[in-house]
Amino acid sequence: MTSARDPGRKTDMAEAGMATRRRVLGDAHVDRAEAAKTDFDAPFQAMITEAAWGHVWSRGEWSLRERSMVTIALLAALGRDEELALHVRATRNTGATPEDLREAMLHVAIYAGVPAANHAIKIVKRVLAEME
């Protein structure tokens, strides 16, 4: 994995990020994303792998399950539907349960609004059904 700042240089955090990214999203998803990478978005891919997956998701203070629930609640609150669906699918790797997701949606309803939660619940239900 390369550094976001210098795409030719590997960093420990980038390597840790790629390992975590693969654990959470799965090899198939990451392999597709890596294969679709171009010169245009390579620096962006390197940045999110190092920053999001390396600096945040790889920290030991929270489990992958806890990070998963928080991420799903944030994506639901922000209306980031595609990323929400991606992270719901990733729960098969993080250990977050449908009950965890239900609780996260209740938090979204209270803190981000019922319309945001209502919309996100539809996405969560659809993706969970697809996963069965």
Protein backbone atom coordinates (compact mmCIF):
# COMPACT_ATOMS: atom_id res chain seq x y z
CA MET A 1 0.00 0.00 0.00
CA THR A 2 1.27 3.43 -0.84
CA SER A 3 1.18 6.69 1.02
CA ALA A 4 -1.50 9.22 0.07
CA ARG A 5 1.13 11.95 0.00
CA ASP A 6 3.69 9.96 -1.98
CA PRO A 7 1.96 7.18 -3.96
CA GLY A 8 5.33 5.50 -4.52
CA ARG A 9 6.13 5.10 -0.81
CA LYS A 10 4.59 2.48 1.48
CA THR A 11 3.82 3.31 5.11
CA ASP A 12 3.12 1.05 8.08
CA MET A 13 -0.23 2.80 8.57
CA ALA A 14 -1.17 2.22 4.92
CA GLU A 15 -0.33 -1.47 5.25
CA ALA A 16 -2.32 -1.75 8.50
CA GLY A 17 -5.18 0.09 6.81
CA MET A 18 -5.23 -2.28 3.86
CA ALA A 19 -5.27 -5.28 6.19
CA THR A 20 -8.20 -3.82 8.18
CA ARG A 21 -10.02 -2.76 5.02
CA ARG A 22 -9.78 -6.35 3.75
CA ARG A 23 -10.97 -7.77 7.11
CA VAL A 24 -14.02 -5.49 7.15
CA LEU A 25 -15.03 -5.23 3.50
CA GLY A 26 -13.66 -8.55 2.27
CA ASP A 27 -11.03 -9.39 -0.30
CA ALA A 28 -13.49 -9.47 -3.22
CA HIS A 29 -14.68 -5.90 -2.63
CA VAL A 30 -11.17 -4.53 -2.07
CA ASP A 31 -9.81 -6.40 -5.10
CA ARG A 32 -12.58 -4.87 -7.27
CA ALA A 33 -11.86 -1.40 -5.91
CA GLU A 34 -8.12 -1.81 -6.47
CA ALA A 35 -8.68 -3.09 -10.02
CA ALA A 36 -10.92 -0.10 -10.80
CA LYS A 37 -8.37 2.40 -9.46
CA THR A 38 -6.95 4.86 -12.00
CA ASP A 39 -4.21 7.47 -11.92
CA PHE A 40 -6.95 9.99 -11.15
CA ASP A 41 -8.25 8.36 -7.97
CA ALA A 42 -5.14 6.49 -6.79
CA PRO A 43 -4.16 9.29 -4.35
CA PHE A 44 -7.72 9.28 -2.94
CA GLN A 45 -7.70 5.49 -2.52
CA ALA A 46 -4.31 5.68 -0.80
CA MET A 47 -5.56 8.45 1.50
CA ILE A 48 -8.70 6.63 2.64
CA THR A 49 -6.82 3.37 3.13
CA GLU A 50 -4.19 5.08 5.28
CA ALA A 51 -6.42 7.60 7.09
CA ALA A 52 -9.78 5.88 7.51
CA TRP A 53 -8.71 2.25 7.58
CA GLY A 54 -5.24 2.72 9.08
CA HIS A 55 -5.54 5.62 11.50
CA VAL A 56 -9.16 5.07 12.58
CA TRP A 57 -10.46 1.56 11.89
CA SER A 58 -7.16 -0.09 12.95
CA ARG A 59 -7.13 1.50 16.43
CA GLY A 60 -7.52 -0.97 19.27
CA GLU A 61 -9.79 1.10 21.52
CA TRP A 62 -13.00 -0.12 19.83
CA SER A 63 -13.80 -3.47 18.27
CA LEU A 64 -14.67 -3.77 14.60
CA ARG A 65 -18.26 -4.39 15.72
CA GLU A 66 -18.37 -1.09 17.62
CA ARG A 67 -16.79 0.83 14.74
CA SER A 68 -19.24 -0.80 12.36
CA MET A 69 -22.27 0.33 14.37
CA VAL A 70 -20.99 3.89 14.70
CA THR A 71 -20.13 4.06 11.00
CA ILE A 72 -23.55 2.76 10.00
CA ALA A 73 -25.32 5.27 12.25
CA LEU A 74 -23.24 8.14 10.85
CA LEU A 75 -23.81 7.10 7.24
CA ALA A 76 -27.54 6.75 7.90
CA ALA A 77 -27.69 10.19 9.53
CA LEU A 78 -25.81 11.74 6.62
CA GLY A 79 -27.89 9.98 3.96
CA ARG A 80 -24.90 8.25 2.38
CA ASP A 81 -26.96 5.38 0.97
CA GLU A 82 -24.34 3.54 -1.09
CA GLU A 83 -21.78 3.57 1.72
CA LEU A 84 -24.50 2.58 4.20
CA ALA A 85 -25.34 -0.51 2.13
CA LEU A 86 -21.64 -1.36 1.83
CA HIS A 87 -21.15 -1.19 5.59
CA VAL A 88 -24.31 -3.19 6.31
CA ARG A 89 -22.88 -5.93 4.07
CA ALA A 90 -19.60 -5.64 5.99
CA THR A 91 -21.36 -6.60 9.23
CA ARG A 92 -20.85 -10.24 8.24
CA ASN A 93 -17.14 -9.53 8.92
CA THR A 94 -17.43 -7.14 11.87
CA GLY A 95 -19.84 -9.08 14.05
CA ALA A 96 -22.50 -6.36 14.22
CA THR A 97 -25.89 -8.06 14.37
CA PRO A 98 -29.27 -7.06 12.97
CA GLU A 99 -30.20 -6.17 16.55
CA ASP A 100 -27.17 -3.86 16.73
CA LEU A 101 -28.30 -2.19 13.51
CA ARG A 102 -31.84 -1.77 14.83
CA GLU A 103 -30.46 -0.03 17.92
CA ALA A 104 -28.26 2.19 15.76
CA MET A 105 -31.31 3.20 13.69
CA LEU A 106 -33.18 4.14 16.87
CA HIS A 107 -30.28 6.44 17.76
CA VAL A 108 -30.36 7.91 14.26
CA ALA A 109 -34.09 8.61 14.64
CA ILE A 110 -33.59 10.51 17.89
CA TYR A 111 -30.38 12.36 17.07
CA ALA A 112 -30.61 12.87 13.29
CA GLY A 113 -34.35 12.70 12.67
CA VAL A 114 -37.07 10.21 11.88
CA PRO A 115 -36.93 10.77 8.10
CA ALA A 116 -33.21 9.90 8.02
CA ALA A 117 -33.80 6.77 10.10
CA ASN A 118 -36.88 5.76 8.11
CA HIS A 119 -34.93 5.96 4.84
CA ALA A 120 -31.92 4.15 6.30
CA ILE A 121 -34.09 1.38 7.78
CA LYS A 122 -35.38 0.61 4.28
CA ILE A 123 -31.79 0.25 3.05
CA VAL A 124 -30.72 -1.84 6.05
CA LYS A 125 -33.72 -4.18 5.65
CA ARG A 126 -33.09 -4.59 1.92
CA VAL A 127 -29.40 -5.37 2.38
CA LEU A 128 -30.01 -7.76 5.28
CA ALA A 129 -32.58 -9.61 3.15
CA GLU A 130 -30.08 -9.81 0.28
CA MET A 131 -27.50 -11.25 2.69
CA GLU A 132 -29.78 -14.11 3.82
